[in-house]
C-alpha atoms as a PDB file:
ATOM      1  CA  MET A   1       0.016  -0.062  -0.027  1.00  0.00           C
ATOM      2  CA  VAL A   2       2.878   2.394   0.821  1.00  0.00           C
ATOM      3  CA  SER A   3       4.482   1.765  -2.552  1.00  0.00           C
ATOM      4  CA  VAL A   4       1.264   2.481  -4.335  1.00  0.00           C
ATOM      5  CA  ARG A   5       0.740   5.728  -2.476  1.00  0.00           C
ATOM      6  CA  ARG A   6       4.336   6.710  -3.182  1.00  0.00           C
ATOM      7  CA  ALA A   7       4.030   5.888  -6.885  1.00  0.00           C
ATOM      8  CA  ILE A   8       0.808   8.038  -7.147  1.00  0.00           C
ATOM      9  CA  ILE A   9       2.528  10.993  -5.416  1.00  0.00           C
ATOM     10  CA  ILE A  10       5.589  10.711  -7.716  1.00  0.00           C
ATOM     11  CA  VAL A  11       3.400  10.658 -10.772  1.00  0.00           C
ATOM     12  CA  ALA A  12       1.343  13.640  -9.524  1.00  0.00           C
ATOM     13  CA  GLN A  13       4.645  15.535  -8.888  1.00  0.00           C
ATOM     14  CA  ILE A  14       5.861  14.848 -12.359  1.00  0.00           C
ATOM     15  CA  LEU A  15       2.418  15.971 -13.862  1.00  0.00           C
ATOM     16  CA  ALA A  16       2.749  19.128 -11.720  1.00  0.00           C
ATOM     17  CA  LEU A  17       6.146  19.900 -13.176  1.00  0.00           C
ATOM     18  CA  LEU A  18       4.689  19.331 -16.675  1.00  0.00           C
ATOM     19  CA  PHE A  19       1.862  21.657 -15.770  1.00  0.00           C
ATOM     20  CA  ILE A  20       4.527  24.428 -15.345  1.00  0.00           C
ATOM     21  CA  VAL A  21       5.880  23.893 -18.833  1.00  0.00           C
ATOM     22  CA  VAL A  22       2.467  23.730 -20.396  1.00  0.00           C
ATOM     23  CA  SER A  23       1.250  26.903 -18.502  1.00  0.00           C
ATOM     24  CA  THR A  24       4.331  28.766 -19.574  1.00  0.00           C
ATOM     25  CA  MET A  25       3.852  27.956 -23.325  1.00  0.00           C
ATOM     26  CA  ALA A  26       0.083  28.730 -23.012  1.00  0.00           C
ATOM     27  CA  GLY A  27       0.857  32.097 -21.463  1.00  0.00           C
ATOM     28  CA  ALA A  28       3.344  32.773 -24.306  1.00  0.00           C
ATOM     29  CA  LEU A  29       0.772  32.001 -26.932  1.00  0.00           C
ATOM     30  CA  ALA A  30      -1.886  34.149 -25.196  1.00  0.00           C
ATOM     31  CA  GLY A  31       0.455  36.892 -24.098  1.00  0.00           C
ATOM     32  CA  HIS A  32       0.382  39.134 -27.164  1.00  0.00           C
ATOM     33  CA  ASP A  33      -3.385  39.137 -27.635  1.00  0.00           C
ATOM     34  CA  TRP A  34      -4.151  39.716 -23.955  1.00  0.00           C
ATOM     35  CA  LEU A  35      -1.550  42.518 -23.771  1.00  0.00           C
ATOM     36  CA  ALA A  36      -2.721  44.260 -26.779  1.00  0.00           C
ATOM     37  CA  ASN A  37      -6.315  44.030 -25.713  1.00  0.00           C
ATOM     38  CA  THR A  38      -5.906  44.935 -22.106  1.00  0.00           C
ATOM     39  CA  PHE A  39      -3.594  47.884 -22.630  1.00  0.00           C
ATOM     40  CA  PRO A  40      -4.363  49.380 -26.093  1.00  0.00           C
ATOM     41  CA  ILE A  41      -1.399  51.899 -25.753  1.00  0.00           C
ATOM     42  CA  LEU A  42       0.921  48.939 -25.591  1.00  0.00           C
ATOM     43  CA  GLY A  43      -0.706  47.426 -28.618  1.00  0.00           C
ATOM     44  CA  GLY A  44       0.069  50.685 -30.442  1.00  0.00           C
ATOM     45  CA  ALA A  45       3.627  50.646 -29.227  1.00  0.00           C
ATOM     46  CA  MET A  46       3.978  46.940 -30.459  1.00  0.00           C
ATOM     47  CA  ALA A  47       2.687  48.022 -33.848  1.00  0.00           C
ATOM     48  CA  ILE A  48       5.132  50.857 -33.987  1.00  0.00           C
ATOM     49  CA  LEU A  49       8.038  48.583 -32.986  1.00  0.00           C
ATOM     50  CA  ALA A  50       6.987  46.041 -35.617  1.00  0.00           C
ATOM     51  CA  ASP A  51       6.794  48.678 -38.325  1.00  0.00           C
ATOM     52  CA  THR A  52      10.237  50.002 -37.551  1.00  0.00           C
ATOM     53  CA  ARG A  53      11.597  46.389 -37.317  1.00  0.00           C
ATOM     54  CA  LEU A  54      13.115  47.081 -33.890  1.00  0.00           C
ATOM     55  CA  ALA A  55      11.366  44.171 -32.321  1.00  0.00           C
ATOM     56  CA  ASP A  56       9.113  41.480 -33.392  1.00  0.00           C
ATOM     57  CA  VAL A  57       5.464  41.718 -32.228  1.00  0.00           C
ATOM     58  CA  ARG A  58       5.538  38.235 -30.998  1.00  0.00           C
ATOM     59  CA  GLY A  59       8.378  39.096 -28.672  1.00  0.00           C
ATOM     60  CA  VAL A  60       5.727  40.598 -26.325  1.00  0.00           C
ATOM     61  CA  SER A  61       4.493  37.056 -25.621  1.00  0.00           C
ATOM     62  CA  ILE A  62       7.440  36.912 -23.127  1.00  0.00           C
ATOM     63  CA  PHE A  63       5.079  38.680 -20.746  1.00  0.00           C
ATOM     64  CA  GLY A  64       2.483  36.021 -21.071  1.00  0.00           C
ATOM     65  CA  ALA A  65       5.049  33.385 -20.707  1.00  0.00           C
ATOM     66  CA  VAL A  66       6.423  35.008 -17.367  1.00  0.00           C
ATOM     67  CA  ALA A  67       2.794  35.314 -16.045  1.00  0.00           C
ATOM     68  CA  GLY A  68       1.978  31.761 -16.912  1.00  0.00           C
ATOM     69  CA  PHE A  69       5.275  30.578 -15.283  1.00  0.00           C
ATOM     70  CA  PHE A  70       4.675  32.558 -12.090  1.00  0.00           C
ATOM     71  CA  ILE A  71       1.049  31.404 -11.701  1.00  0.00           C
ATOM     72  CA  SER A  72       1.712  27.818 -12.400  1.00  0.00           C
ATOM     73  CA  THR A  73       4.767  27.906 -10.048  1.00  0.00           C
ATOM     74  CA  MET A  74       2.667  29.253  -7.167  1.00  0.00           C
ATOM     75  CA  LEU A  75       0.077  26.546  -7.816  1.00  0.00           C
ATOM     76  CA  VAL A  76       2.642  23.735  -7.945  1.00  0.00           C
ATOM     77  CA  ALA A  77       4.301  25.151  -4.923  1.00  0.00           C
ATOM     78  CA  LEU A  78       1.030  24.920  -3.060  1.00  0.00           C
ATOM     79  CA  PHE A  79       0.686  21.317  -4.241  1.00  0.00           C
ATOM     80  CA  PHE A  80       4.256  20.339  -3.114  1.00  0.00           C
ATOM     81  CA  LEU A  81       3.425  22.045   0.201  1.00  0.00           C
ATOM     82  CA  LEU A  82       0.383  19.839   0.659  1.00  0.00           C
ATOM     83  CA  VAL A  83       2.315  16.673  -0.259  1.00  0.00           C
ATOM     84  CA  GLU A  84       5.054  17.615   2.215  1.00  0.00           C
ATOM     85  CA  ILE A  85       2.430  18.246   4.997  1.00  0.00           C
ATOM     86  CA  ALA A  86       0.892  14.869   4.142  1.00  0.00           C
ATOM     87  CA  HIS A  87       4.285  13.131   4.433  1.00  0.00           C
ATOM     88  CA  ASN A  88       5.075  14.811   7.674  1.00  0.00           C
ATOM     89  CA  THR A  89       1.631  13.856   9.090  1.00  0.00           C
ATOM     90  CA  ARG A  90       2.178  10.280   8.282  1.00  0.00           C
ATOM     91  CA  ASN A  91       5.760  10.157   9.568  1.00  0.00           C
ATOM     92  CA  PRO A  92       6.057  12.857  12.216  1.00  0.00           C
ATOM     93  CA  PHE A  93       9.500  11.770  13.683  1.00  0.00           C
ATOM     94  CA  ASN A  94      11.033  10.439  10.459  1.00  0.00           C
ATOM     95  CA  THR A  95      13.393  13.015   8.771  1.00  0.00           C
END
């Protein structure tokens, strides 16, 4: 029973780390559209930068990637905290 529980926790932790990667990619894909729609002045600045070829408009997706990374990191940290609490509850004097 202990090995099954441990295997489930390991699989869940791997999926949580995969969630970070997927969230970062999803944030990067959605970053440009969200930023342009939320802050119209930045959308104009992105268009100006794209017209002058100083930067690529898709480069703004880094903001979405950073936001996706931080949000997913916080959620995964909460998950790992709960896993650690569960482990310490079952084995209070085992370090």
